[in-house]
């Protein structure tokens, strides 16, 4: 089902899928800067999570709902995300399950920055953009280090945005995969489902 949520920065969409039984956790996942919630790795993660009895909410930021490809500034992305998560928590049966905040690329940065404010029990970062391509000096590792809860990063070893060190977060590296993580979406999904079940038990 699709929910429409008015946020301080415009209309956001939440595509919500529920497992067959009572959810053991709630996974909220955001998209990359110019992409959407139908990215191959996001859909693979959704399917694996549902099989593991996890409810999955794919959140589309207002700028994408409005048809723009360039993302809003970080504070506006964070505002919209938190408003969408709050609306999600108001849905029947979704107030109490532990929340796992997730995202791919830009969405992973949002999940990390808002982990405390959203009340997340854990964070999943798909293809975290450690630095802009070719500019390793412009590191974003400070954002990855922000959450005070368990963090999983799933990264391709050929990602032009870099690979984070394993001392900041739990790291799963997909061999032969680039920033899109299209190489082995099943491995991505399995790593995420395993992590969610471990940290929310």
N, C-alpha and C. Protein backbone atom coordinates (compact mmCIF):
# COMPACT_ATOMS: atom_id res chain seq x y z
N UNK A 1 0.84 -1.20 0.00
CA UNK A 1 0.00 0.00 0.00
C UNK A 1 0.88 1.25 0.00
N UNK A 2 0.39 2.30 -0.61
CA UNK A 2 1.14 3.57 -0.63
C UNK A 2 0.46 4.60 0.27
N UNK A 3 1.26 5.17 1.16
CA UNK A 3 0.79 6.24 2.01
C UNK A 3 1.36 7.55 1.49
N UNK A 4 0.56 8.60 1.55
CA UNK A 4 1.04 9.94 1.19
C UNK A 4 1.16 10.74 2.48
N UNK A 5 2.34 11.31 2.68
CA UNK A 5 2.61 12.02 3.93
C UNK A 5 3.05 13.45 3.63
N UNK A 6 2.37 14.40 4.23
CA UNK A 6 2.80 15.79 4.10
C UNK A 6 3.94 16.05 5.08
N UNK A 7 5.08 16.44 4.58
CA UNK A 7 6.24 16.75 5.42
C UNK A 7 6.51 18.24 5.34
N UNK A 8 7.40 18.78 6.18
CA UNK A 8 7.71 20.21 6.11
C UNK A 8 8.28 20.64 4.76
N UNK A 9 8.74 19.67 3.96
CA UNK A 9 9.35 20.03 2.67
C UNK A 9 8.53 19.54 1.48
N UNK A 10 7.31 19.08 1.73
CA UNK A 10 6.46 18.63 0.63
C UNK A 10 5.96 17.21 0.83
N UNK A 11 5.29 16.70 -0.19
CA UNK A 11 4.65 15.39 -0.12
C UNK A 11 5.69 14.28 -0.27
N UNK A 12 5.67 13.32 0.66
CA UNK A 12 6.51 12.13 0.56
C UNK A 12 5.61 10.92 0.37
N UNK A 13 6.17 9.89 -0.24
CA UNK A 13 5.45 8.63 -0.40
C UNK A 13 6.08 7.57 0.49
N UNK A 14 5.22 6.70 1.05
CA UNK A 14 5.70 5.52 1.77
C UNK A 14 5.04 4.30 1.14
N UNK A 15 5.85 3.45 0.51
CA UNK A 15 5.34 2.19 -0.02
C UNK A 15 5.57 1.14 1.06
N UNK A 16 4.47 0.69 1.66
CA UNK A 16 4.52 -0.17 2.84
C UNK A 16 4.12 -1.60 2.49
N UNK A 17 5.01 -2.53 2.84
CA UNK A 17 4.72 -3.96 2.68
C UNK A 17 4.81 -4.62 4.05
N UNK A 18 3.81 -5.43 4.36
CA UNK A 18 3.77 -6.11 5.65
C UNK A 18 3.98 -7.61 5.45
N UNK A 19 4.65 -8.26 6.40
CA UNK A 19 4.79 -9.72 6.31
C UNK A 19 3.47 -10.40 6.62
N UNK A 20 3.42 -11.71 6.44
CA UNK A 20 2.16 -12.44 6.64
C UNK A 20 1.74 -12.46 8.10
N UNK A 21 2.71 -12.45 9.02
CA UNK A 21 2.40 -12.47 10.44
C UNK A 21 2.77 -11.16 11.11
N UNK A 22 2.78 -11.18 12.43
CA UNK A 22 3.15 -9.98 13.19
C UNK A 22 4.61 -9.62 12.91
N UNK A 23 4.90 -8.37 12.53
CA UNK A 23 6.28 -8.01 12.21
C UNK A 23 7.20 -8.03 13.42
N UNK A 24 8.40 -8.60 13.23
CA UNK A 24 9.39 -8.63 14.31
C UNK A 24 10.21 -7.35 14.33
N UNK A 25 10.16 -6.59 13.23
CA UNK A 25 10.87 -5.32 13.14
C UNK A 25 10.27 -4.51 12.01
N UNK A 26 10.63 -3.24 11.95
CA UNK A 26 10.19 -2.34 10.88
C UNK A 26 11.42 -1.77 10.20
N UNK A 27 11.55 -2.01 8.91
CA UNK A 27 12.66 -1.49 8.12
C UNK A 27 12.16 -0.32 7.28
N UNK A 28 12.69 0.88 7.54
CA UNK A 28 12.39 2.06 6.73
C UNK A 28 13.61 2.33 5.86
N UNK A 29 13.41 2.38 4.56
CA UNK A 29 14.55 2.51 3.65
C UNK A 29 14.35 3.64 2.65
N UNK A 30 15.40 4.45 2.48
CA UNK A 30 15.36 5.57 1.56
C UNK A 30 16.24 5.33 0.34
N UNK A 31 16.02 6.11 -0.69
CA UNK A 31 16.68 5.93 -1.99
C UNK A 31 17.94 6.78 -2.13
N UNK A 32 18.64 6.56 -3.23
CA UNK A 32 19.81 7.37 -3.56
C UNK A 32 19.42 8.73 -4.11
N UNK A 33 20.41 9.58 -4.34
CA UNK A 33 20.15 10.97 -4.71
C UNK A 33 19.30 11.10 -5.97
N UNK A 34 19.66 10.41 -7.03
CA UNK A 34 18.91 10.54 -8.27
C UNK A 34 18.07 9.33 -8.60
N UNK A 35 18.00 8.38 -7.68
CA UNK A 35 17.28 7.14 -7.92
C UNK A 35 15.95 7.08 -7.19
N UNK A 36 15.40 5.87 -7.14
CA UNK A 36 14.11 5.68 -6.48
C UNK A 36 14.11 4.44 -5.63
N UNK A 37 12.96 4.15 -5.06
CA UNK A 37 12.86 3.01 -4.14
C UNK A 37 12.65 1.69 -4.86
N UNK A 38 12.70 1.72 -6.20
CA UNK A 38 12.62 0.49 -6.97
C UNK A 38 13.99 0.04 -7.46
N UNK A 39 15.06 0.58 -6.89
CA UNK A 39 16.41 0.12 -7.22
C UNK A 39 16.51 -1.37 -6.90
N UNK A 40 17.32 -2.07 -7.69
CA UNK A 40 17.38 -3.53 -7.59
C UNK A 40 17.77 -4.00 -6.19
N UNK A 41 18.74 -3.33 -5.57
CA UNK A 41 19.18 -3.78 -4.24
C UNK A 41 18.10 -3.51 -3.19
N UNK A 42 17.39 -2.39 -3.33
CA UNK A 42 16.32 -2.07 -2.38
C UNK A 42 15.19 -3.10 -2.47
N UNK A 43 14.82 -3.47 -3.69
CA UNK A 43 13.75 -4.47 -3.86
C UNK A 43 14.19 -5.84 -3.34
N UNK A 44 15.46 -6.20 -3.54
CA UNK A 44 15.95 -7.48 -3.03
C UNK A 44 15.93 -7.49 -1.50
N UNK A 45 16.32 -6.36 -0.91
CA UNK A 45 16.29 -6.25 0.56
C UNK A 45 14.85 -6.34 1.06
N UNK A 46 13.93 -5.66 0.38
CA UNK A 46 12.51 -5.74 0.77
C UNK A 46 12.02 -7.18 0.79
N UNK A 47 12.31 -7.93 -0.27
CA UNK A 47 11.81 -9.30 -0.37
C UNK A 47 12.39 -10.19 0.72
N UNK A 48 13.69 -10.04 0.98
CA UNK A 48 14.32 -10.85 2.02
C UNK A 48 13.80 -10.49 3.41
N UNK A 49 13.58 -9.21 3.63
CA UNK A 49 13.08 -8.75 4.93
C UNK A 49 11.66 -9.26 5.17
N UNK A 50 10.81 -9.21 4.16
CA UNK A 50 9.44 -9.71 4.32
C UNK A 50 9.44 -11.19 4.66
N UNK A 51 10.32 -11.96 4.02
CA UNK A 51 10.43 -13.38 4.32
C UNK A 51 10.86 -13.61 5.77
N UNK A 52 11.65 -12.65 6.31
CA UNK A 52 12.11 -12.73 7.70
C UNK A 52 11.11 -12.11 8.68
N UNK A 53 9.88 -11.85 8.22
CA UNK A 53 8.81 -11.29 9.06
C UNK A 53 9.08 -9.84 9.48
N UNK A 54 9.73 -9.10 8.61
CA UNK A 54 10.01 -7.68 8.86
C UNK A 54 9.11 -6.84 7.95
N UNK A 55 8.42 -5.86 8.52
CA UNK A 55 7.65 -4.91 7.71
C UNK A 55 8.62 -3.95 7.02
N UNK A 56 8.32 -3.59 5.78
CA UNK A 56 9.25 -2.76 5.00
C UNK A 56 8.53 -1.53 4.45
N UNK A 57 9.11 -0.37 4.74
CA UNK A 57 8.57 0.89 4.24
C UNK A 57 9.63 1.56 3.37
N UNK A 58 9.35 1.70 2.07
CA UNK A 58 10.27 2.38 1.16
C UNK A 58 9.80 3.83 1.03
N UNK A 59 10.64 4.74 1.47
CA UNK A 59 10.24 6.15 1.56
C UNK A 59 10.84 6.95 0.41
N UNK A 60 9.96 7.63 -0.33
CA UNK A 60 10.38 8.50 -1.43
C UNK A 60 10.36 9.95 -0.97
N UNK A 61 11.52 10.59 -1.06
CA UNK A 61 11.66 11.98 -0.62
C UNK A 61 10.81 12.93 -1.47
N UNK A 62 10.35 14.05 -0.88
CA UNK A 62 9.49 15.00 -1.60
C UNK A 62 10.07 15.50 -2.92
N UNK A 63 11.39 15.71 -3.01
CA UNK A 63 11.94 16.23 -4.26
C UNK A 63 11.77 15.23 -5.40
N UNK A 64 11.80 13.93 -5.07
CA UNK A 64 11.59 12.91 -6.10
C UNK A 64 10.11 12.79 -6.45
N UNK A 65 9.24 12.91 -5.43
CA UNK A 65 7.80 12.90 -5.68
C UNK A 65 7.44 14.04 -6.64
N UNK A 66 8.12 15.18 -6.47
CA UNK A 66 7.87 16.35 -7.32
C UNK A 66 8.53 16.24 -8.69
N UNK A 67 9.27 15.15 -8.92
CA UNK A 67 9.87 14.93 -10.24
C UNK A 67 11.26 15.51 -10.42
N UNK A 68 11.88 15.99 -9.34
CA UNK A 68 13.23 16.55 -9.45
C UNK A 68 14.28 15.47 -9.20
N UNK A 69 15.42 15.59 -9.86
CA UNK A 69 16.51 14.63 -9.67
C UNK A 69 17.55 15.13 -8.68
N UNK A 70 17.69 16.45 -8.57
CA UNK A 70 18.68 17.00 -7.63
C UNK A 70 18.11 17.00 -6.23
N UNK A 71 18.83 16.41 -5.28
CA UNK A 71 18.29 16.33 -3.92
C UNK A 71 18.23 17.68 -3.22
N UNK A 72 17.32 17.77 -2.27
CA UNK A 72 17.23 18.96 -1.41
C UNK A 72 18.45 19.00 -0.49
N UNK A 73 18.72 20.14 0.14
CA UNK A 73 19.82 20.20 1.11
C UNK A 73 19.61 19.20 2.25
N UNK A 74 20.71 18.78 2.86
CA UNK A 74 20.67 17.73 3.89
C UNK A 74 19.64 18.00 4.99
N UNK A 75 19.56 19.21 5.56
CA UNK A 75 18.58 19.43 6.63
C UNK A 75 17.14 19.18 6.19
N UNK A 76 16.83 19.49 4.93
CA UNK A 76 15.48 19.28 4.42
C UNK A 76 15.20 17.80 4.18
N UNK A 77 16.22 17.08 3.70
CA UNK A 77 16.08 15.63 3.55
C UNK A 77 15.80 14.98 4.90
N UNK A 78 16.55 15.41 5.91
CA UNK A 78 16.40 14.83 7.25
C UNK A 78 15.02 15.14 7.83
N UNK A 79 14.56 16.37 7.63
CA UNK A 79 13.23 16.79 8.10
C UNK A 79 12.13 15.92 7.51
N UNK A 80 12.20 15.75 6.19
CA UNK A 80 11.18 14.97 5.48
C UNK A 80 11.21 13.51 5.93
N UNK A 81 12.41 12.98 6.08
CA UNK A 81 12.57 11.58 6.52
C UNK A 81 11.94 11.37 7.90
N UNK A 82 12.24 12.27 8.82
CA UNK A 82 11.72 12.12 10.18
C UNK A 82 10.20 12.24 10.22
N UNK A 83 9.65 13.11 9.38
CA UNK A 83 8.20 13.25 9.31
C UNK A 83 7.56 11.98 8.76
N UNK A 84 8.19 11.39 7.76
CA UNK A 84 7.67 10.16 7.16
C UNK A 84 7.75 9.01 8.16
N UNK A 85 8.86 8.90 8.88
CA UNK A 85 9.01 7.84 9.88
C UNK A 85 7.97 8.00 10.99
N UNK A 86 7.73 9.23 11.42
CA UNK A 86 6.72 9.48 12.45
C UNK A 86 5.34 9.04 11.97
N UNK A 87 5.02 9.34 10.71
CA UNK A 87 3.73 8.92 10.16
C UNK A 87 3.65 7.40 10.08
N UNK A 88 4.75 6.78 9.73
CA UNK A 88 4.82 5.33 9.63
C UNK A 88 4.57 4.68 10.99
N UNK A 89 5.16 5.24 12.03
CA UNK A 89 5.00 4.71 13.38
C UNK A 89 3.56 4.81 13.87
N UNK A 90 2.77 5.68 13.24
CA UNK A 90 1.37 5.82 13.61
C UNK A 90 0.46 4.78 12.97
N UNK A 91 1.02 3.95 12.08
CA UNK A 91 0.21 2.94 11.41
C UNK A 91 -0.05 1.75 12.34
N UNK A 92 -1.17 1.10 12.12
CA UNK A 92 -1.57 -0.03 12.95
C UNK A 92 -0.46 -1.08 13.03
N UNK A 93 -0.08 -1.44 14.26
CA UNK A 93 0.89 -2.51 14.48
C UNK A 93 2.34 -2.14 14.24
N UNK A 94 2.62 -0.86 13.95
CA UNK A 94 4.00 -0.48 13.62
C UNK A 94 4.63 0.46 14.66
N UNK A 95 3.94 0.69 15.76
CA UNK A 95 4.49 1.58 16.80
C UNK A 95 5.55 0.87 17.64
N UNK A 96 5.34 -0.42 17.92
CA UNK A 96 6.23 -1.10 18.86
C UNK A 96 7.40 -1.88 18.26
N UNK A 97 7.30 -2.44 17.03
CA UNK A 97 8.46 -3.19 16.53
C UNK A 97 9.71 -2.30 16.44
N UNK A 98 10.90 -2.84 16.73
CA UNK A 98 12.12 -2.04 16.62
C UNK A 98 12.32 -1.52 15.20
N UNK A 99 12.75 -0.27 15.10
CA UNK A 99 12.94 0.39 13.81
C UNK A 99 14.38 0.23 13.35
N UNK A 100 14.54 -0.22 12.11
CA UNK A 100 15.85 -0.22 11.46
C UNK A 100 15.80 0.83 10.36
N UNK A 101 16.61 1.88 10.51
CA UNK A 101 16.66 2.96 9.52
C UNK A 101 17.69 2.58 8.47
N UNK A 102 17.31 2.69 7.21
CA UNK A 102 18.20 2.24 6.14
C UNK A 102 18.11 3.18 4.94
N UNK A 103 19.08 3.04 4.06
CA UNK A 103 19.05 3.81 2.83
C UNK A 103 20.21 3.40 1.94
N UNK A 104 20.07 3.76 0.66
CA UNK A 104 21.18 3.53 -0.26
C UNK A 104 21.80 4.88 -0.61
N UNK A 105 23.13 4.95 -0.57
CA UNK A 105 23.89 6.15 -0.95
C UNK A 105 23.44 7.38 -0.16
N UNK A 106 22.84 8.36 -0.82
CA UNK A 106 22.37 9.56 -0.12
C UNK A 106 21.38 9.20 0.99
N UNK A 107 20.53 8.21 0.73
CA UNK A 107 19.57 7.76 1.74
C UNK A 107 20.24 7.15 2.96
N UNK A 108 21.42 6.54 2.74
CA UNK A 108 22.18 5.99 3.87
C UNK A 108 22.72 7.10 4.75
N UNK A 109 23.12 8.21 4.12
CA UNK A 109 23.59 9.36 4.90
C UNK A 109 22.45 9.92 5.75
N UNK A 110 21.25 10.00 5.18
CA UNK A 110 20.09 10.49 5.93
C UNK A 110 19.81 9.57 7.12
N UNK A 111 19.83 8.26 6.89
CA UNK A 111 19.55 7.30 7.96
C UNK A 111 20.56 7.44 9.10
N UNK A 112 21.83 7.67 8.75
CA UNK A 112 22.86 7.84 9.78
C UNK A 112 22.66 9.14 10.56
N UNK A 113 22.40 10.23 9.84
CA UNK A 113 22.28 11.54 10.51
C UNK A 113 21.07 11.60 11.44
N UNK A 114 20.01 10.85 11.11
CA UNK A 114 18.76 10.94 11.87
C UNK A 114 18.52 9.75 12.79
N UNK A 115 19.51 8.87 12.92
CA UNK A 115 19.31 7.63 13.68
C UNK A 115 18.80 7.89 15.09
N UNK A 116 19.41 8.82 15.79
CA UNK A 116 19.01 9.11 17.16
C UNK A 116 17.62 9.73 17.20
N UNK A 117 17.39 10.73 16.35
CA UNK A 117 16.10 11.42 16.34
C UNK A 117 14.95 10.51 15.95
N UNK A 118 15.21 9.53 15.10
CA UNK A 118 14.15 8.62 14.66
C UNK A 118 13.89 7.49 15.65
N UNK A 119 14.79 7.33 16.61
CA UNK A 119 14.65 6.24 17.57
C UNK A 119 15.04 4.90 16.99
N UNK A 120 15.90 4.89 15.99
CA UNK A 120 16.29 3.65 15.33
C UNK A 120 17.06 2.74 16.29
N UNK A 121 16.78 1.44 16.18
CA UNK A 121 17.51 0.44 16.96
C UNK A 121 18.77 -0.01 16.23
N UNK A 122 18.84 0.28 14.93
CA UNK A 122 19.99 -0.08 14.10
C UNK A 122 19.90 0.69 12.80
N UNK A 123 21.01 0.71 12.06
CA UNK A 123 21.09 1.41 10.77
C UNK A 123 21.70 0.49 9.73
N UNK A 124 21.14 0.51 8.52
CA UNK A 124 21.70 -0.23 7.39
C UNK A 124 22.04 0.78 6.29
N UNK A 125 23.30 0.76 5.85
CA UNK A 125 23.76 1.67 4.80
C UNK A 125 24.17 0.86 3.58
N UNK A 126 23.42 0.99 2.50
CA UNK A 126 23.76 0.34 1.24
C UNK A 126 24.56 1.33 0.40
N UNK A 127 25.77 0.94 0.00
CA UNK A 127 26.63 1.78 -0.84
C UNK A 127 26.81 3.17 -0.22
N UNK A 128 27.27 3.20 1.03
CA UNK A 128 27.49 4.49 1.68
C UNK A 128 28.55 5.28 0.89
N UNK A 129 28.23 6.54 0.52
CA UNK A 129 29.18 7.34 -0.28
C UNK A 129 30.26 7.96 0.61
N UNK A 130 31.34 7.21 0.81
CA UNK A 130 32.39 7.64 1.73
C UNK A 130 32.97 8.99 1.33
N UNK A 131 33.10 9.20 0.01
CA UNK A 131 33.60 10.49 -0.52
C UNK A 131 33.13 10.62 -1.95
N UNK A 132 33.09 11.83 -2.51
CA UNK A 132 32.77 11.97 -3.94
C UNK A 132 33.82 11.23 -4.77
N UNK A 133 33.44 10.67 -5.92
CA UNK A 133 34.42 9.95 -6.74
C UNK A 133 35.65 10.80 -7.06
N UNK A 134 36.81 10.23 -6.80
CA UNK A 134 38.07 10.91 -7.10
C UNK A 134 38.47 11.96 -6.09
N UNK A 135 37.68 12.12 -5.00
CA UNK A 135 37.99 13.15 -4.00
C UNK A 135 38.01 12.54 -2.59
N UNK A 136 38.96 11.63 -2.33
CA UNK A 136 38.98 10.96 -1.02
C UNK A 136 39.19 11.90 0.15
N UNK A 137 39.69 13.11 -0.14
CA UNK A 137 39.92 14.06 0.95
C UNK A 137 38.60 14.63 1.50
N UNK A 138 37.52 14.53 0.72
CA UNK A 138 36.21 15.04 1.16
C UNK A 138 35.41 13.91 1.80
N UNK A 139 35.91 13.43 2.91
CA UNK A 139 35.31 12.25 3.55
C UNK A 139 33.99 12.57 4.26
N UNK A 140 33.12 11.57 4.26
CA UNK A 140 31.84 11.68 4.98
C UNK A 140 31.75 10.65 6.10
N UNK A 141 32.91 10.16 6.52
CA UNK A 141 32.93 9.12 7.55
C UNK A 141 32.39 9.63 8.89
N UNK A 142 32.42 10.96 9.08
CA UNK A 142 31.86 11.50 10.33
C UNK A 142 30.37 11.19 10.43
N UNK A 143 29.66 11.20 9.28
CA UNK A 143 28.23 10.87 9.30
C UNK A 143 28.01 9.40 9.62
N UNK A 144 28.86 8.54 9.06
CA UNK A 144 28.73 7.11 9.31
C UNK A 144 28.97 6.77 10.79
N UNK A 145 29.77 7.61 11.44
CA UNK A 145 30.10 7.37 12.85
C UNK A 145 29.07 7.97 13.81
N UNK A 146 28.08 8.70 13.30
CA UNK A 146 27.10 9.37 14.16
C UNK A 146 26.19 8.42 14.95
N UNK A 147 25.66 7.34 14.34
CA UNK A 147 24.72 6.51 15.10
C UNK A 147 25.39 5.86 16.31
N UNK A 148 24.63 5.78 17.40
CA UNK A 148 25.11 5.12 18.62
C UNK A 148 24.55 3.71 18.73
N UNK A 149 23.95 3.23 17.64
CA UNK A 149 23.36 1.88 17.57
C UNK A 149 24.15 1.08 16.53
N UNK A 150 23.94 -0.24 16.45
CA UNK A 150 24.66 -1.04 15.45
C UNK A 150 24.42 -0.55 14.03
N UNK A 151 25.48 -0.54 13.23
CA UNK A 151 25.40 -0.09 11.83
C UNK A 151 25.99 -1.17 10.93
N UNK A 152 25.26 -1.51 9.87
CA UNK A 152 25.76 -2.41 8.83
C UNK A 152 25.96 -1.61 7.56
N UNK A 153 27.14 -1.75 6.95
CA UNK A 153 27.39 -1.16 5.64
C UNK A 153 27.59 -2.31 4.65
N UNK A 154 26.85 -2.27 3.54
CA UNK A 154 27.06 -3.22 2.44
C UNK A 154 27.61 -2.43 1.27
N UNK A 155 28.82 -2.77 0.84
CA UNK A 155 29.55 -1.96 -0.14
C UNK A 155 30.17 -2.86 -1.21
N UNK A 156 30.17 -2.37 -2.44
CA UNK A 156 30.88 -3.06 -3.51
C UNK A 156 32.37 -2.74 -3.45
N UNK A 157 33.22 -3.72 -3.75
CA UNK A 157 34.66 -3.45 -3.68
C UNK A 157 35.14 -2.58 -4.84
N UNK A 158 34.26 -2.33 -5.81
CA UNK A 158 34.61 -1.45 -6.94
C UNK A 158 33.85 -0.12 -6.88
N UNK A 159 33.36 0.23 -5.72
CA UNK A 159 32.58 1.46 -5.55
C UNK A 159 33.48 2.68 -5.70
N UNK A 160 33.17 3.54 -6.68
CA UNK A 160 33.97 4.75 -6.91
C UNK A 160 33.84 5.75 -5.76
N UNK A 161 32.82 5.56 -4.90
CA UNK A 161 32.63 6.43 -3.74
C UNK A 161 33.40 5.93 -2.51
N UNK A 162 34.21 4.89 -2.70
CA UNK A 162 35.06 4.40 -1.63
C UNK A 162 34.42 3.30 -0.80
N UNK A 163 35.25 2.66 0.02
CA UNK A 163 34.80 1.61 0.94
C UNK A 163 35.22 2.03 2.35
N UNK A 164 34.29 2.08 3.30
CA UNK A 164 34.64 2.54 4.65
C UNK A 164 35.48 1.50 5.39
N UNK A 165 36.22 1.93 6.39
CA UNK A 165 36.96 0.98 7.22
C UNK A 165 36.00 0.18 8.09
N UNK A 166 36.40 -1.03 8.44
CA UNK A 166 35.51 -1.92 9.19
C UNK A 166 35.47 -1.60 10.69
N UNK A 167 36.25 -0.60 11.13
CA UNK A 167 36.22 -0.28 12.56
C UNK A 167 35.13 0.71 12.92
N UNK A 168 34.46 1.29 11.90
CA UNK A 168 33.37 2.24 12.17
C UNK A 168 32.03 1.51 12.24
N UNK A 169 31.87 0.51 11.38
CA UNK A 169 30.60 -0.21 11.30
C UNK A 169 30.88 -1.65 10.88
N UNK A 170 29.88 -2.50 11.05
CA UNK A 170 29.98 -3.86 10.49
C UNK A 170 29.97 -3.72 8.97
N UNK A 171 30.90 -4.38 8.30
CA UNK A 171 31.08 -4.17 6.87
C UNK A 171 30.97 -5.48 6.11
N UNK A 172 30.11 -5.50 5.09
CA UNK A 172 30.02 -6.62 4.16
C UNK A 172 30.41 -6.09 2.78
N UNK A 173 31.45 -6.65 2.20
CA UNK A 173 31.93 -6.20 0.89
C UNK A 173 31.50 -7.21 -0.17
N UNK A 174 30.85 -6.71 -1.21
CA UNK A 174 30.38 -7.55 -2.32
C UNK A 174 31.43 -7.49 -3.43
N UNK A 175 32.07 -8.61 -3.70
CA UNK A 175 33.13 -8.65 -4.71
C UNK A 175 32.58 -8.38 -6.11
N UNK A 176 33.28 -7.51 -6.83
CA UNK A 176 32.92 -7.20 -8.21
C UNK A 176 31.78 -6.21 -8.36
N UNK A 177 31.24 -5.72 -7.24
CA UNK A 177 30.10 -4.80 -7.30
C UNK A 177 30.57 -3.35 -7.26
N UNK A 178 29.87 -2.49 -8.00
CA UNK A 178 30.16 -1.06 -7.96
C UNK A 178 29.11 -0.36 -7.08
N UNK A 179 28.96 0.95 -7.24
CA UNK A 179 28.06 1.72 -6.38
C UNK A 179 26.60 1.28 -6.51
N UNK A 180 26.24 0.72 -7.65
CA UNK A 180 24.84 0.32 -7.87
C UNK A 180 24.46 -0.95 -7.10
N UNK A 181 25.46 -1.75 -6.69
CA UNK A 181 25.22 -3.02 -6.01
C UNK A 181 24.33 -3.96 -6.83
N UNK A 182 24.40 -3.85 -8.16
CA UNK A 182 23.59 -4.73 -9.02
C UNK A 182 24.24 -6.10 -9.22
N UNK A 183 25.50 -6.23 -8.84
CA UNK A 183 26.26 -7.45 -9.10
C UNK A 183 25.66 -8.68 -8.43
N UNK A 184 25.30 -8.56 -7.16
CA UNK A 184 24.79 -9.71 -6.42
C UNK A 184 23.74 -9.26 -5.40
N UNK A 185 22.55 -8.85 -5.88
CA UNK A 185 21.54 -8.34 -4.95
C UNK A 185 21.09 -9.36 -3.90
N UNK A 186 21.18 -10.66 -4.23
CA UNK A 186 20.79 -11.68 -3.25
C UNK A 186 21.74 -11.68 -2.06
N UNK A 187 23.03 -11.48 -2.33
CA UNK A 187 24.01 -11.42 -1.23
C UNK A 187 23.78 -10.18 -0.38
N UNK A 188 23.46 -9.08 -1.03
CA UNK A 188 23.14 -7.84 -0.31
C UNK A 188 21.95 -8.08 0.62
N UNK A 189 20.89 -8.65 0.06
CA UNK A 189 19.65 -8.86 0.81
C UNK A 189 19.86 -9.83 1.97
N UNK A 190 20.62 -10.90 1.73
CA UNK A 190 20.86 -11.88 2.79
C UNK A 190 21.63 -11.26 3.95
N UNK A 191 22.62 -10.42 3.64
CA UNK A 191 23.41 -9.76 4.69
C UNK A 191 22.53 -8.85 5.53
N UNK A 192 21.63 -8.12 4.86
CA UNK A 192 20.75 -7.18 5.58
C UNK A 192 19.75 -7.93 6.45
N UNK A 193 19.12 -8.97 5.90
CA UNK A 193 18.12 -9.73 6.67
C UNK A 193 18.77 -10.37 7.90
N UNK A 194 19.97 -10.92 7.73
CA UNK A 194 20.68 -11.53 8.85
C UNK A 194 20.99 -10.50 9.94
N UNK A 195 21.46 -9.33 9.51
CA UNK A 195 21.78 -8.26 10.46
C UNK A 195 20.54 -7.82 11.22
N UNK A 196 19.43 -7.60 10.53
CA UNK A 196 18.20 -7.13 11.18
C UNK A 196 17.75 -8.12 12.25
N UNK A 197 17.76 -9.40 11.90
CA UNK A 197 17.31 -10.40 12.87
C UNK A 197 18.26 -10.49 14.07
N UNK A 198 19.55 -10.32 13.84
CA UNK A 198 20.51 -10.38 14.94
C UNK A 198 20.34 -9.21 15.90
N UNK A 199 20.19 -8.00 15.35
CA UNK A 199 20.20 -6.81 16.22
C UNK A 199 18.84 -6.51 16.84
N UNK A 200 17.77 -7.11 16.32
CA UNK A 200 16.45 -6.80 16.86
C UNK A 200 15.88 -7.93 17.70
N UNK A 201 16.60 -9.03 17.84
CA UNK A 201 16.10 -10.15 18.67
C UNK A 201 16.02 -9.73 20.13
